C-alpha atoms as a PDB file:
ATOM      1  CA  MET A   1      97.452  94.497 108.378  1.00  0.00           C
ATOM      2  CA  PHE A   2      96.195  96.136 111.242  1.00  0.00           C
ATOM      3  CA  ASP A   3      97.602  99.515 112.968  1.00  0.00           C
ATOM      4  CA  ARG A   4      98.178  98.521 116.345  1.00  0.00           C
ATOM      5  CA  ALA A   5      99.865 102.032 117.337  1.00  0.00           C
ATOM      6  CA  ASN A   6      96.736 103.942 116.458  1.00  0.00           C
ATOM      7  CA  ASN A   7      93.798 102.229 118.358  1.00  0.00           C
ATOM      8  CA  VAL A   8      90.123 103.538 117.868  1.00  0.00           C
ATOM      9  CA  THR A   9      86.859 102.812 120.103  1.00  0.00           C
ATOM     10  CA  ILE A  10      84.015 102.177 117.869  1.00  0.00           C
ATOM     11  CA  ASN A  11      80.287 102.308 119.739  1.00  0.00           C
ATOM     12  CA  GLY A  12      77.448 100.479 117.905  1.00  0.00           C
ATOM     13  CA  THR A  13      75.361  97.802 117.557  1.00  0.00           C
ATOM     14  CA  VAL A  14      76.060  93.929 117.129  1.00  0.00           C
ATOM     15  CA  LYS A  15      74.649  92.639 113.791  1.00  0.00           C
ATOM     16  CA  GLU A  16      76.161  89.279 113.809  1.00  0.00           C
ATOM     17  CA  PHE A  17      78.638  87.721 115.793  1.00  0.00           C
ATOM     18  CA  GLN A  18      80.647  84.698 113.959  1.00  0.00           C
ATOM     19  CA  TRP A  19      81.780  82.024 116.391  1.00  0.00           C
ATOM     20  CA  THR A  20      84.277  80.539 113.601  1.00  0.00           C
ATOM     21  CA  ASN A  21      87.877  79.052 112.961  1.00  0.00           C
ATOM     22  CA  PRO A  22      90.180  80.067 112.691  1.00  0.00           C
ATOM     23  CA  HIS A  23      89.188  83.785 114.192  1.00  0.00           C
ATOM     24  CA  ILE A  24      85.903  85.131 115.205  1.00  0.00           C
ATOM     25  CA  PHE A  25      84.527  88.164 113.702  1.00  0.00           C
ATOM     26  CA  ILE A  26      81.772  90.960 115.361  1.00  0.00           C
ATOM     27  CA  GLN A  27      79.685  92.579 112.548  1.00  0.00           C
ATOM     28  CA  VAL A  28      78.749  95.972 114.413  1.00  0.00           C
ATOM     29  CA  MET A  29      76.580  98.779 113.113  1.00  0.00           C
ATOM     30  CA  VAL A  30      78.134 102.106 113.705  1.00  0.00           C
ATOM     31  CA  ARG A  31      76.968 105.533 113.182  1.00  0.00           C
ATOM     32  CA  GLY A  32      79.285 107.526 110.886  1.00  0.00           C
ATOM     33  CA  PRO A  33      80.446 111.043 111.017  1.00  0.00           C
ATOM     34  CA  GLN A  34      77.490 112.084 108.499  1.00  0.00           C
ATOM     35  CA  GLY A  35      74.703 109.820 110.814  1.00  0.00           C
ATOM     36  CA  ALA A  36      74.279 107.055 108.239  1.00  0.00           C
ATOM     37  CA  LEU A  37      75.132 103.597 109.409  1.00  0.00           C
ATOM     38  CA  GLU A  38      78.317 101.727 108.536  1.00  0.00           C
ATOM     39  CA  GLU A  39      78.887  98.121 108.884  1.00  0.00           C
ATOM     40  CA  TRP A  40      82.344  97.740 110.654  1.00  0.00           C
ATOM     41  CA  SER A  41      84.157  94.119 110.929  1.00  0.00           C
ATOM     42  CA  VAL A  42      85.935  93.098 113.564  1.00  0.00           C
ATOM     43  CA  GLU A  43      88.124  89.967 114.210  1.00  0.00           C
ATOM     44  CA  GLY A  44      89.206  88.558 117.152  1.00  0.00           C
ATOM     45  CA  GLY A  45      91.305  85.200 118.334  1.00  0.00           C
ATOM     46  CA  SER A  46      90.555  81.770 117.782  1.00  0.00           C
ATOM     47  CA  PRO A  47      87.436  80.143 119.326  1.00  0.00           C
ATOM     48  CA  ASN A  48      89.309  77.688 121.533  1.00  0.00           C
ATOM     49  CA  SER A  49      91.322  80.370 122.922  1.00  0.00           C
ATOM     50  CA  LEU A  50      88.515  82.659 123.815  1.00  0.00           C
ATOM     51  CA  TYR A  51      86.708  79.767 125.299  1.00  0.00           C
ATOM     52  CA  ARG A  52      89.429  79.322 127.803  1.00  0.00           C
ATOM     53  CA  GLN A  53      88.729  83.188 128.336  1.00  0.00           C
ATOM     54  CA  GLY A  54      85.272  82.709 129.608  1.00  0.00           C
ATOM     55  CA  TRP A  55      83.896  83.368 126.050  1.00  0.00           C
ATOM     56  CA  ASP A  56      81.253  81.078 123.927  1.00  0.00           C
ATOM     57  CA  ASN A  57      78.822  81.639 121.121  1.00  0.00           C
ATOM     58  CA  LYS A  58      76.697  83.949 122.823  1.00  0.00           C
ATOM     59  CA  THR A  59      79.289  86.365 124.138  1.00  0.00           C
ATOM     60  CA  PHE A  60      77.927  88.777 121.749  1.00  0.00           C
ATOM     61  CA  GLN A  61      74.176  89.258 120.589  1.00  0.00           C
ATOM     62  CA  PRO A  62      72.323  90.791 117.834  1.00  0.00           C
ATOM     63  CA  GLY A  63      70.728  93.984 118.898  1.00  0.00           C
ATOM     64  CA  GLN A  64      73.562  94.227 121.809  1.00  0.00           C
ATOM     65  CA  GLN A  65      75.081  97.848 122.215  1.00  0.00           C
ATOM     66  CA  VAL A  66      78.853  97.604 122.329  1.00  0.00           C
ATOM     67  CA  SER A  67      81.911 100.050 122.723  1.00  0.00           C
ATOM     68  CA  LEU A  68      84.891  98.251 121.104  1.00  0.00           C
ATOM     69  CA  LEU A  69      88.539  99.387 121.266  1.00  0.00           C
ATOM     70  CA  ILE A  70      90.476  98.133 118.018  1.00  0.00           C
ATOM     71  CA  SER A  71      93.385  98.594 116.187  1.00  0.00           C
ATOM     72  CA  PRO A  72      91.842  99.622 112.673  1.00  0.00           C
ATOM     73  CA  LEU A  73      92.692  98.234 109.306  1.00  0.00           C
ATOM     74  CA  LYS A  74      95.689  99.979 107.517  1.00  0.00           C
ATOM     75  CA  THR A  75      93.808 100.558 104.701  1.00  0.00           C
ATOM     76  CA  GLY A  76      91.317 102.794 106.322  1.00  0.00           C
ATOM     77  CA  ALA A  77      88.283 100.281 105.433  1.00  0.00           C
ATOM     78  CA  HIS A  78      85.599  99.788 108.373  1.00  0.00           C
ATOM     79  CA  GLY A  79      87.222  97.027 110.450  1.00  0.00           C
ATOM     80  CA  GLY A  80      90.184  95.897 112.875  1.00  0.00           C
ATOM     81  CA  SER A  81      91.116  93.641 115.382  1.00  0.00           C
ATOM     82  CA  LEU A  82      89.455  93.548 118.824  1.00  0.00           C
ATOM     83  CA  VAL A  83      91.422  94.680 121.580  1.00  0.00           C
ATOM     84  CA  TYR A  84      88.896  95.517 124.389  1.00  0.00           C
ATOM     85  CA  GLY A  85      85.002  95.330 124.558  1.00  0.00           C
ATOM     86  CA  GLU A  86      82.589  96.267 126.918  1.00  0.00           C
ATOM     87  CA  LEU A  87      79.192  94.593 126.610  1.00  0.00           C
ATOM     88  CA  PRO A  88      75.966  95.742 128.437  1.00  0.00           C
ATOM     89  CA  GLY A  89      75.866  95.614 132.174  1.00  0.00           C
ATOM     90  CA  GLY A  90      79.301  96.499 132.259  1.00  0.00           C
ATOM     91  CA  LYS A  91      80.661  93.023 131.367  1.00  0.00           C
ATOM     92  CA  THR A  92      83.927  93.224 129.616  1.00  0.00           C
ATOM     93  CA  VAL A  93      86.166  91.114 127.328  1.00  0.00           C
ATOM     94  CA  GLY A  94      89.889  91.100 125.904  1.00  0.00           C
ATOM     95  CA  ASN A  95      92.867  93.003 127.155  1.00  0.00           C
ATOM     96  CA  ARG A  96      91.530  95.661 129.463  1.00  0.00           C
ATOM     97  CA  ASN A  97      95.260  96.637 130.396  1.00  0.00           C
ATOM     98  CA  PHE A  98      96.333  97.087 127.029  1.00  0.00           C
ATOM     99  CA  ARG A  99      98.738 100.187 126.455  1.00  0.00           C
ATOM    100  CA  ALA A 100      99.397 101.084 122.703  1.00  0.00           C
ATOM    101  CA  PRO A 101     103.160 100.853 121.751  1.00  0.00           C
ATOM    102  CA  GLY A 102     104.915 104.545 121.969  1.00  0.00           C
END
């Protein structure tokens, strides 16, 4: 489902943060190549495992500017799996030391 060998960084504004089982989702509005806003859906781990890493239901807030490294969907649709994220103020979440295979 995800292309883990070709990660991309998206920069945008959080539209919605869904703290739900079995996986969380972050809806991010990203400015596309033609300047139009595109909604990206980024999937993360389970709330239970993320809570143990210091996350909670307020980790991402609507209106926040974020930079997310994701493994994109193989279909090319606007979405992917969260690898690493940077929040306002320099707070980071995810796997900072991630290295793509190959």
